[in-house]
Structure formats: structure tokens, C-alpha cells
N, C-alpha and C. Protein backbone atom coordinates (compact mmCIF):
# COMPACT_ATOMS: atom_id res chain seq x y z
N MET A 1 137.92 107.34 103.13
CA MET A 1 136.67 107.59 102.45
C MET A 1 135.54 106.90 103.21
N SER A 2 134.45 107.61 103.46
CA SER A 2 133.34 107.01 104.18
C SER A 2 132.47 106.20 103.22
N GLU A 3 131.77 105.25 103.78
CA GLU A 3 130.91 104.39 102.98
C GLU A 3 129.62 105.12 102.64
N PRO A 4 128.97 104.75 101.52
CA PRO A 4 127.70 105.38 101.15
C PRO A 4 126.58 104.96 102.11
N ARG A 5 125.52 105.75 102.12
CA ARG A 5 124.36 105.45 102.96
C ARG A 5 123.57 104.26 102.40
N GLU A 6 123.51 104.16 101.08
CA GLU A 6 122.73 103.12 100.42
C GLU A 6 123.44 102.71 99.14
N ILE A 7 123.35 101.43 98.81
CA ILE A 7 123.91 100.93 97.56
C ILE A 7 122.90 100.00 96.89
N THR A 8 123.10 99.79 95.62
CA THR A 8 122.38 98.75 94.88
C THR A 8 123.44 97.84 94.30
N ILE A 9 123.29 96.56 94.56
CA ILE A 9 124.26 95.58 94.08
C ILE A 9 123.53 94.45 93.38
N GLN A 10 124.27 93.72 92.58
CA GLN A 10 123.78 92.51 91.94
C GLN A 10 124.80 91.43 92.27
N HIS A 11 124.33 90.22 92.55
CA HIS A 11 125.31 89.20 92.95
C HIS A 11 124.99 87.83 92.39
N VAL A 12 126.04 87.05 92.31
CA VAL A 12 125.96 85.63 91.96
C VAL A 12 126.39 84.87 93.21
N LEU A 13 125.49 84.06 93.77
CA LEU A 13 125.86 83.20 94.89
C LEU A 13 126.37 81.88 94.33
N ILE A 14 127.56 81.51 94.73
CA ILE A 14 128.13 80.22 94.32
C ILE A 14 128.35 79.42 95.59
N SER A 15 127.50 78.42 95.77
CA SER A 15 127.48 77.66 97.01
C SER A 15 128.02 76.25 96.77
N PHE A 16 127.93 75.43 97.80
CA PHE A 16 128.47 74.07 97.73
C PHE A 16 127.65 73.15 98.61
N ASP A 17 127.91 71.86 98.51
CA ASP A 17 127.05 70.86 99.14
C ASP A 17 126.98 70.91 100.66
N ASP A 18 127.97 71.43 101.35
CA ASP A 18 127.93 71.49 102.81
C ASP A 18 127.37 72.81 103.34
N ALA A 19 127.03 73.72 102.46
CA ALA A 19 126.46 75.02 102.86
C ALA A 19 124.94 74.88 103.01
N PRO A 20 124.31 75.81 103.72
CA PRO A 20 122.85 75.73 103.91
C PRO A 20 122.08 76.16 102.66
N THR A 21 122.36 75.49 101.54
CA THR A 21 121.67 75.73 100.27
C THR A 21 121.42 74.37 99.63
N GLU A 22 120.86 74.39 98.43
CA GLU A 22 120.60 73.14 97.72
C GLU A 22 121.70 72.81 96.71
N ALA A 23 122.81 73.51 96.75
CA ALA A 23 123.91 73.27 95.81
C ALA A 23 124.48 71.88 96.00
N THR A 24 124.98 71.31 94.90
CA THR A 24 125.51 69.94 94.95
C THR A 24 127.01 69.87 94.64
N ARG A 25 127.62 71.00 94.26
CA ARG A 25 129.06 70.97 93.94
C ARG A 25 129.87 70.91 95.24
N THR A 26 131.13 70.49 95.12
CA THR A 26 132.03 70.44 96.27
C THR A 26 132.55 71.85 96.58
N LEU A 27 133.17 71.98 97.72
CA LEU A 27 133.79 73.25 98.12
C LEU A 27 134.83 73.68 97.09
N ASP A 28 135.68 72.76 96.66
CA ASP A 28 136.72 73.09 95.68
C ASP A 28 136.11 73.48 94.34
N GLU A 29 135.07 72.77 93.92
CA GLU A 29 134.40 73.12 92.66
C GLU A 29 133.77 74.51 92.75
N ALA A 30 133.18 74.82 93.90
CA ALA A 30 132.56 76.14 94.10
C ALA A 30 133.61 77.24 94.04
N GLN A 31 134.74 77.02 94.68
CA GLN A 31 135.81 78.03 94.66
C GLN A 31 136.31 78.26 93.23
N ALA A 32 136.49 77.19 92.49
CA ALA A 32 136.96 77.32 91.10
C ALA A 32 135.92 78.05 90.25
N LEU A 33 134.65 77.73 90.44
CA LEU A 33 133.59 78.42 89.69
C LEU A 33 133.53 79.89 90.07
N ALA A 34 133.69 80.20 91.35
CA ALA A 34 133.68 81.60 91.80
C ALA A 34 134.80 82.39 91.11
N GLU A 35 135.96 81.78 91.00
CA GLU A 35 137.08 82.45 90.32
C GLU A 35 136.77 82.67 88.84
N THR A 36 136.17 81.67 88.20
CA THR A 36 135.80 81.79 86.79
C THR A 36 134.76 82.89 86.59
N VAL A 37 133.72 82.89 87.43
CA VAL A 37 132.67 83.90 87.31
C VAL A 37 133.23 85.29 87.58
N MET A 38 134.10 85.41 88.56
CA MET A 38 134.73 86.70 88.86
C MET A 38 135.51 87.20 87.65
N ASN A 39 136.27 86.34 87.02
CA ASN A 39 137.04 86.73 85.83
C ASN A 39 136.11 87.14 84.69
N GLN A 40 135.03 86.39 84.51
CA GLN A 40 134.06 86.74 83.46
C GLN A 40 133.39 88.07 83.76
N ALA A 41 133.05 88.29 85.03
CA ALA A 41 132.39 89.54 85.44
C ALA A 41 133.30 90.74 85.23
N GLN A 42 134.58 90.55 85.46
CA GLN A 42 135.53 91.64 85.25
C GLN A 42 135.80 91.87 83.77
N GLY A 43 135.46 90.89 82.94
CA GLY A 43 135.57 91.03 81.49
C GLY A 43 134.31 91.71 80.97
N ASP A 44 133.93 91.34 79.78
CA ASP A 44 132.77 92.00 79.18
C ASP A 44 131.50 91.15 79.21
N HIS A 45 131.45 90.15 80.07
CA HIS A 45 130.25 89.32 80.17
C HIS A 45 129.11 90.12 80.81
N ASP A 46 127.90 89.88 80.35
CA ASP A 46 126.72 90.52 80.93
C ASP A 46 126.49 89.92 82.32
N PHE A 47 126.47 90.78 83.34
CA PHE A 47 126.38 90.28 84.71
C PHE A 47 125.06 89.56 84.97
N SER A 48 123.96 90.07 84.40
CA SER A 48 122.66 89.40 84.58
C SER A 48 122.69 87.99 84.01
N ASP A 49 123.37 87.81 82.88
CA ASP A 49 123.50 86.46 82.32
C ASP A 49 124.31 85.56 83.25
N LEU A 50 125.35 86.10 83.88
CA LEU A 50 126.13 85.32 84.83
C LEU A 50 125.27 84.89 86.02
N VAL A 51 124.42 85.79 86.50
CA VAL A 51 123.52 85.45 87.61
C VAL A 51 122.59 84.32 87.18
N ARG A 52 121.96 84.48 86.03
CA ARG A 52 121.02 83.45 85.55
C ARG A 52 121.70 82.09 85.38
N GLU A 53 122.92 82.09 84.88
CA GLU A 53 123.62 80.85 84.57
C GLU A 53 124.23 80.17 85.80
N HIS A 54 124.70 80.95 86.77
CA HIS A 54 125.51 80.35 87.83
C HIS A 54 124.98 80.50 89.26
N SER A 55 124.05 81.41 89.52
CA SER A 55 123.69 81.70 90.91
C SER A 55 122.90 80.57 91.56
N ASP A 56 123.23 80.30 92.81
CA ASP A 56 122.47 79.34 93.60
C ASP A 56 121.34 80.00 94.37
N ASP A 57 121.21 81.32 94.24
CA ASP A 57 120.03 82.02 94.75
C ASP A 57 118.93 81.84 93.71
N PRO A 58 117.68 81.75 94.15
CA PRO A 58 116.60 81.61 93.16
C PRO A 58 116.54 82.82 92.22
N VAL A 59 116.30 82.54 90.95
CA VAL A 59 116.14 83.58 89.94
C VAL A 59 114.72 83.46 89.39
N LYS A 60 113.97 84.57 89.46
CA LYS A 60 112.60 84.57 88.97
C LYS A 60 112.60 84.67 87.44
N PRO A 61 111.79 83.86 86.77
CA PRO A 61 111.70 83.96 85.32
C PRO A 61 111.28 85.38 84.91
N GLY A 62 111.93 85.89 83.89
CA GLY A 62 111.59 87.22 83.40
C GLY A 62 112.23 88.37 84.15
N ASP A 63 112.94 88.08 85.24
CA ASP A 63 113.60 89.14 86.00
C ASP A 63 114.73 89.71 85.16
N GLU A 64 114.64 91.00 84.83
CA GLU A 64 115.64 91.61 83.96
C GLU A 64 116.99 91.81 84.65
N GLN A 65 116.97 91.98 85.98
CA GLN A 65 118.22 92.15 86.73
C GLN A 65 118.19 91.24 87.95
N PRO A 66 118.30 89.93 87.74
CA PRO A 66 118.21 89.00 88.87
C PRO A 66 119.37 89.20 89.84
N GLY A 67 119.11 88.82 91.09
CA GLY A 67 120.15 88.90 92.11
C GLY A 67 120.45 90.31 92.57
N THR A 68 119.50 91.24 92.38
CA THR A 68 119.72 92.64 92.74
C THR A 68 119.14 92.94 94.11
N TYR A 69 119.91 93.66 94.91
CA TYR A 69 119.49 94.09 96.24
C TYR A 69 119.85 95.55 96.44
N ARG A 70 118.97 96.26 97.13
CA ARG A 70 119.31 97.59 97.65
C ARG A 70 119.62 97.40 99.12
N LEU A 71 120.72 97.96 99.58
CA LEU A 71 121.13 97.81 100.98
C LEU A 71 121.29 99.17 101.63
N LEU A 72 120.75 99.30 102.85
CA LEU A 72 120.98 100.49 103.67
C LEU A 72 122.14 100.20 104.60
N ASN A 73 123.05 101.14 104.72
CA ASN A 73 124.20 100.98 105.59
C ASN A 73 123.77 101.04 107.05
N HIS A 74 124.67 100.65 107.94
CA HIS A 74 124.41 100.71 109.38
C HIS A 74 123.97 102.11 109.76
N ASP A 75 123.04 102.22 110.69
CA ASP A 75 122.57 103.49 111.25
C ASP A 75 121.85 104.39 110.25
N VAL A 76 121.41 103.86 109.12
CA VAL A 76 120.62 104.64 108.17
C VAL A 76 119.16 104.25 108.38
N GLU A 77 118.35 105.24 108.65
CA GLU A 77 116.93 105.00 108.90
C GLU A 77 116.16 105.00 107.58
N GLY A 78 115.03 104.35 107.57
CA GLY A 78 114.16 104.35 106.40
C GLY A 78 113.37 103.06 106.34
N MET A 79 112.35 103.07 105.50
CA MET A 79 111.55 101.87 105.31
C MET A 79 112.43 100.80 104.66
N THR A 80 112.48 99.66 105.30
CA THR A 80 113.26 98.55 104.76
C THR A 80 112.33 97.38 104.49
N PHE A 81 112.84 96.40 103.81
CA PHE A 81 112.05 95.21 103.55
C PHE A 81 111.64 94.55 104.86
N ALA A 82 112.53 94.52 105.84
CA ALA A 82 112.22 93.90 107.13
C ALA A 82 111.06 94.62 107.82
N SER A 83 111.06 95.95 107.80
CA SER A 83 109.96 96.68 108.44
C SER A 83 108.67 96.51 107.65
N PHE A 84 108.77 96.38 106.33
CA PHE A 84 107.60 96.14 105.50
C PHE A 84 106.98 94.79 105.84
N VAL A 85 107.81 93.76 106.01
CA VAL A 85 107.32 92.43 106.36
C VAL A 85 106.65 92.47 107.73
N SER A 86 107.19 93.24 108.66
CA SER A 86 106.55 93.38 109.98
C SER A 86 105.15 93.96 109.84
N GLU A 87 105.00 94.94 108.96
CA GLU A 87 103.67 95.51 108.71
C GLU A 87 102.73 94.48 108.09
N LEU A 88 103.24 93.68 107.17
CA LEU A 88 102.41 92.63 106.57
C LEU A 88 101.97 91.62 107.62
N ASN A 89 102.87 91.25 108.52
CA ASN A 89 102.52 90.31 109.59
C ASN A 89 101.44 90.88 110.49
N LEU A 90 101.51 92.17 110.78
CA LEU A 90 100.49 92.83 111.59
C LEU A 90 99.14 92.79 110.87
N ARG A 91 99.13 93.08 109.58
CA ARG A 91 97.89 93.03 108.81
C ARG A 91 97.30 91.62 108.80
N ALA A 92 98.15 90.60 108.68
CA ALA A 92 97.68 89.21 108.70
C ALA A 92 97.07 88.86 110.04
N SER A 93 97.70 89.31 111.11
CA SER A 93 97.18 89.05 112.45
C SER A 93 95.82 89.71 112.65
N GLU A 94 95.70 90.96 112.19
CA GLU A 94 94.42 91.67 112.31
C GLU A 94 93.32 90.98 111.50
N LYS A 95 93.65 90.52 110.30
CA LYS A 95 92.67 89.82 109.46
C LYS A 95 92.26 88.52 110.12
N GLU A 96 93.20 87.81 110.71
CA GLU A 96 92.89 86.56 111.38
C GLU A 96 91.93 86.79 112.54
N LYS A 97 92.18 87.83 113.34
CA LYS A 97 91.28 88.15 114.46
C LYS A 97 89.88 88.48 113.96
N GLU A 98 89.81 89.26 112.88
CA GLU A 98 88.52 89.63 112.30
C GLU A 98 87.74 88.39 111.86
N LEU A 99 88.42 87.46 111.19
CA LEU A 99 87.76 86.26 110.70
C LEU A 99 87.35 85.34 111.85
N ILE A 100 88.17 85.25 112.89
CA ILE A 100 87.81 84.44 114.06
C ILE A 100 86.54 84.97 114.69
N GLN A 101 86.43 86.28 114.81
CA GLN A 101 85.21 86.88 115.37
C GLN A 101 83.99 86.56 114.52
N LEU A 102 84.15 86.62 113.20
CA LEU A 102 83.03 86.31 112.30
C LEU A 102 82.60 84.85 112.43
N VAL A 103 83.56 83.95 112.57
CA VAL A 103 83.24 82.53 112.74
C VAL A 103 82.57 82.30 114.09
N GLN A 104 83.13 82.89 115.15
CA GLN A 104 82.58 82.70 116.50
C GLN A 104 81.17 83.27 116.63
N SER A 105 80.88 84.34 115.89
CA SER A 105 79.54 84.94 115.96
C SER A 105 78.55 84.23 115.05
N GLY A 106 79.02 83.28 114.25
CA GLY A 106 78.15 82.55 113.34
C GLY A 106 77.88 83.28 112.04
N GLU A 107 78.56 84.39 111.81
CA GLU A 107 78.34 85.17 110.58
C GLU A 107 79.07 84.59 109.38
N MET A 108 80.03 83.69 109.64
CA MET A 108 80.80 83.12 108.53
C MET A 108 81.16 81.68 108.88
N PRO A 109 80.95 80.76 107.93
CA PRO A 109 81.37 79.37 108.19
C PRO A 109 82.90 79.26 108.23
N PRO A 110 83.42 78.34 109.03
CA PRO A 110 84.88 78.20 109.14
C PRO A 110 85.58 77.97 107.79
N THR A 111 84.96 77.18 106.91
CA THR A 111 85.61 76.91 105.62
C THR A 111 85.72 78.19 104.79
N GLU A 112 84.73 79.05 104.86
CA GLU A 112 84.79 80.32 104.13
C GLU A 112 85.87 81.23 104.72
N ALA A 113 85.97 81.22 106.05
CA ALA A 113 87.00 82.03 106.72
C ALA A 113 88.40 81.54 106.33
N GLU A 114 88.58 80.22 106.30
CA GLU A 114 89.88 79.67 105.90
C GLU A 114 90.23 80.06 104.47
N SER A 115 89.25 79.98 103.59
CA SER A 115 89.47 80.35 102.19
C SER A 115 89.81 81.83 102.05
N GLU A 116 89.09 82.68 102.78
CA GLU A 116 89.36 84.11 102.73
C GLU A 116 90.74 84.44 103.30
N MET A 117 91.12 83.75 104.38
CA MET A 117 92.44 83.99 104.97
C MET A 117 93.54 83.55 104.00
N GLN A 118 93.32 82.41 103.34
CA GLN A 118 94.31 81.92 102.37
C GLN A 118 94.50 82.93 101.24
N SER A 119 93.40 83.46 100.72
CA SER A 119 93.48 84.47 99.66
C SER A 119 94.19 85.72 100.15
N PHE A 120 93.89 86.12 101.38
CA PHE A 120 94.52 87.31 101.97
C PHE A 120 96.03 87.11 102.09
N VAL A 121 96.43 85.95 102.58
CA VAL A 121 97.85 85.64 102.74
C VAL A 121 98.55 85.61 101.38
N GLU A 122 97.91 85.05 100.37
CA GLU A 122 98.51 85.03 99.03
C GLU A 122 98.72 86.45 98.51
N GLY A 123 97.78 87.34 98.79
CA GLY A 123 97.94 88.74 98.41
C GLY A 123 99.12 89.39 99.13
N LEU A 124 99.26 89.08 100.43
CA LEU A 124 100.40 89.61 101.19
C LEU A 124 101.72 89.07 100.65
N GLN A 125 101.73 87.80 100.27
CA GLN A 125 102.95 87.21 99.71
C GLN A 125 103.34 87.90 98.40
N ALA A 126 102.35 88.24 97.59
CA ALA A 126 102.63 88.96 96.34
C ALA A 126 103.20 90.35 96.64
N GLU A 127 102.63 91.02 97.64
CA GLU A 127 103.15 92.33 98.05
C GLU A 127 104.60 92.21 98.53
N ALA A 128 104.87 91.15 99.30
CA ALA A 128 106.23 90.95 99.82
C ALA A 128 107.21 90.68 98.70
N ALA A 129 106.81 89.90 97.71
CA ALA A 129 107.70 89.61 96.58
C ALA A 129 108.04 90.89 95.83
N HIS A 130 107.05 91.75 95.64
CA HIS A 130 107.31 93.03 94.96
C HIS A 130 108.22 93.91 95.81
N ALA A 131 107.92 93.99 97.10
CA ALA A 131 108.70 94.86 97.99
C ALA A 131 110.14 94.38 98.13
N SER A 132 110.35 93.08 98.06
CA SER A 132 111.71 92.55 98.18
C SER A 132 112.61 93.11 97.08
N ALA A 133 112.02 93.35 95.92
CA ALA A 133 112.81 93.87 94.80
C ALA A 133 112.94 95.39 94.82
N THR A 134 112.08 96.07 95.59
CA THR A 134 112.08 97.54 95.52
C THR A 134 112.54 98.22 96.81
N LEU A 135 112.34 97.59 97.94
CA LEU A 135 112.73 98.21 99.21
C LEU A 135 114.14 97.78 99.61
N PRO A 136 114.88 98.66 100.25
CA PRO A 136 116.23 98.28 100.68
C PRO A 136 116.19 97.32 101.87
N HIS A 137 117.23 96.54 101.96
CA HIS A 137 117.42 95.62 103.09
C HIS A 137 118.47 96.25 104.00
N PRO A 138 118.30 96.13 105.32
CA PRO A 138 119.36 96.63 106.20
C PRO A 138 120.63 95.80 106.00
N ARG A 139 121.75 96.46 106.01
CA ARG A 139 123.03 95.77 105.85
C ARG A 139 123.17 94.66 106.88
N ALA A 140 122.72 94.92 108.09
CA ALA A 140 122.86 93.95 109.18
C ALA A 140 122.03 92.68 108.94
N ALA A 141 121.07 92.73 108.01
CA ALA A 141 120.25 91.55 107.73
C ALA A 141 120.95 90.57 106.79
N MET A 142 122.06 91.00 106.20
CA MET A 142 122.80 90.16 105.26
C MET A 142 124.03 89.58 105.97
N VAL A 143 124.62 88.55 105.38
CA VAL A 143 125.85 88.03 105.97
C VAL A 143 126.91 89.12 105.90
N PRO A 144 127.79 89.21 106.91
CA PRO A 144 128.73 90.34 106.99
C PRO A 144 129.56 90.59 105.74
N ALA A 145 130.11 89.55 105.13
CA ALA A 145 130.98 89.76 103.97
C ALA A 145 130.24 90.37 102.79
N PHE A 146 128.95 90.07 102.67
CA PHE A 146 128.14 90.60 101.58
C PHE A 146 128.12 92.12 101.62
N GLY A 147 127.80 92.68 102.78
CA GLY A 147 127.80 94.13 102.93
C GLY A 147 129.19 94.72 102.91
N ASP A 148 130.15 94.04 103.54
CA ASP A 148 131.52 94.56 103.57
C ASP A 148 132.07 94.74 102.16
N VAL A 149 131.88 93.75 101.31
CA VAL A 149 132.37 93.86 99.93
C VAL A 149 131.53 94.87 99.16
N GLY A 150 130.20 94.74 99.25
CA GLY A 150 129.33 95.63 98.48
C GLY A 150 129.56 97.10 98.77
N PHE A 151 129.65 97.46 100.05
CA PHE A 151 129.84 98.87 100.42
C PHE A 151 131.26 99.35 100.12
N GLY A 152 132.19 98.43 99.91
CA GLY A 152 133.56 98.81 99.59
C GLY A 152 133.81 99.00 98.10
N LEU A 153 132.83 98.67 97.26
CA LEU A 153 133.01 98.78 95.82
C LEU A 153 132.61 100.15 95.29
N ALA A 154 133.25 100.57 94.23
CA ALA A 154 132.82 101.76 93.49
C ALA A 154 131.73 101.32 92.51
N VAL A 155 130.89 102.25 92.08
CA VAL A 155 129.85 101.93 91.11
C VAL A 155 130.51 101.33 89.86
N GLY A 156 129.97 100.17 89.43
CA GLY A 156 130.50 99.47 88.26
C GLY A 156 131.59 98.47 88.58
N GLU A 157 132.13 98.52 89.79
CA GLU A 157 133.21 97.62 90.19
C GLU A 157 132.65 96.27 90.62
N VAL A 158 133.46 95.22 90.45
CA VAL A 158 133.09 93.87 90.83
C VAL A 158 134.06 93.37 91.89
N GLY A 159 133.53 92.66 92.88
CA GLY A 159 134.35 92.08 93.93
C GLY A 159 133.79 90.73 94.33
N VAL A 160 134.49 90.05 95.21
CA VAL A 160 134.02 88.75 95.67
C VAL A 160 134.10 88.68 97.19
N ALA A 161 133.03 88.18 97.78
CA ALA A 161 133.03 87.84 99.20
C ALA A 161 133.31 86.35 99.25
N SER A 162 134.48 85.98 99.69
CA SER A 162 134.88 84.58 99.72
C SER A 162 134.18 83.83 100.84
N PHE A 163 134.03 82.52 100.64
CA PHE A 163 133.42 81.68 101.67
C PHE A 163 134.17 81.83 102.99
N ASP A 164 133.41 81.98 104.05
CA ASP A 164 133.92 82.01 105.41
C ASP A 164 132.77 81.52 106.29
N GLU A 165 133.04 80.61 107.21
CA GLU A 165 131.97 80.02 108.01
C GLU A 165 131.13 81.06 108.74
N LYS A 166 131.72 82.17 109.15
CA LYS A 166 130.98 83.20 109.88
C LYS A 166 130.56 84.37 108.98
N ALA A 167 131.47 84.86 108.15
CA ALA A 167 131.22 86.08 107.38
C ALA A 167 130.49 85.83 106.06
N SER A 168 130.58 84.61 105.52
CA SER A 168 129.93 84.28 104.25
C SER A 168 129.63 82.78 104.20
N PRO A 169 128.73 82.31 105.08
CA PRO A 169 128.52 80.87 105.23
C PRO A 169 127.82 80.18 104.06
N PHE A 170 127.20 80.94 103.16
CA PHE A 170 126.49 80.33 102.03
C PHE A 170 127.42 80.01 100.86
N GLY A 171 128.63 80.55 100.88
CA GLY A 171 129.57 80.32 99.79
C GLY A 171 130.20 81.62 99.34
N TRP A 172 130.46 81.71 98.05
CA TRP A 172 131.09 82.89 97.46
C TRP A 172 130.01 83.78 96.86
N HIS A 173 130.14 85.08 97.06
CA HIS A 173 129.25 86.05 96.44
C HIS A 173 130.09 86.90 95.49
N VAL A 174 129.86 86.77 94.20
CA VAL A 174 130.48 87.66 93.23
C VAL A 174 129.52 88.83 93.10
N ILE A 175 129.99 90.02 93.45
CA ILE A 175 129.13 91.19 93.62
C ILE A 175 129.54 92.31 92.68
N LYS A 176 128.54 92.90 92.03
CA LYS A 176 128.76 94.09 91.20
C LYS A 176 127.93 95.22 91.78
N ARG A 177 128.58 96.35 92.03
CA ARG A 177 127.84 97.51 92.54
C ARG A 177 127.23 98.25 91.35
N LEU A 178 125.92 98.42 91.40
CA LEU A 178 125.19 99.10 90.34
C LEU A 178 124.97 100.58 90.63
N ALA A 179 124.76 100.92 91.89
CA ALA A 179 124.52 102.33 92.27
C ALA A 179 124.92 102.53 93.73
């Protein structure tokens, strides 16, 4: 069976103190928690509640489906979050050049230019936060085990990407495929 072109998944990251996160539990504690969360996810527990309660990924207040990502499979073209961020960076660079010219010509004081650039960047950050939740991420941008497990699941199925220094260096990902 071939893999889908695009999936939507929700995940709980369960990390540990030696991983590149802020988690404070030990490796053994993380593994035990991952097994518990996996069992709960396969039961009738609400997956969003599991994300809110256990994930070491940041959860935004009010997010109805925290930990959700859309992923594009290898060799699938389309607007991705990464390409969107590249466009935002280009816009920021253009705005910076425009403001530098205004300051150099004496049309704008440096403090006003700094304030305008700060406001512009804050607007771009808000756009990026929204796009992160709506645009797909390329599979290659994620750790390998994340995509391998996610693309191998049927809709509604739950799986786990176990900690591996290369394939899943942040810890365990308990993953549910939504679409």
C-alpha cells in the first residue's frame, strides 16, 4: 500500500532531561509515561486532553486541537509552512531596506524606524503563528520517526515513535492520525 500525499496528525511529545527540550523527567520515566499515554490514547481518552496534560511541546491556551500538524509526504509539491516563512523573511528584508532608506534620507528618525520595524515584525510573527496551524509542513522538516509513524497510520489509528538518538531525538511521540 502506498503512503498518502498528505496527512493530519495530532501528537503528544514525551521528552526527558537529556533531550533538547525543557523536560525534567528521566529517560525511564519518559518511557513509562509514553506507554501510559499510548494505552490511554488507544482507550477512550480524549486525545486533545492527553496533549494538554502530557505534551512537552508548547500548547497554546484555547487551542481546541493542540499538537496538530499537517504533513506533506516526500516529493509532494505545494505551499508549506517553510516556504511561507521564507516569504515572510523576504517581506521583512524589504521592509528593513525601505526603512533604512527613509532614515538615511532624513525622512524618518531612527527611533521611529525601529518602532515601525518592531510592529512589522510582530505582525509577521502573528501571520507565522496562524500559518503554522493551517499550512502543511514537509515531512522532511520533521524528525524521521515522526513522519514514518504518522504516514504509516490509518485515519483514527494511534501509534508511537519511540525515542531514538537519530530518528526521534526529542523523545517519544504518541501520534494519532486525524486525516
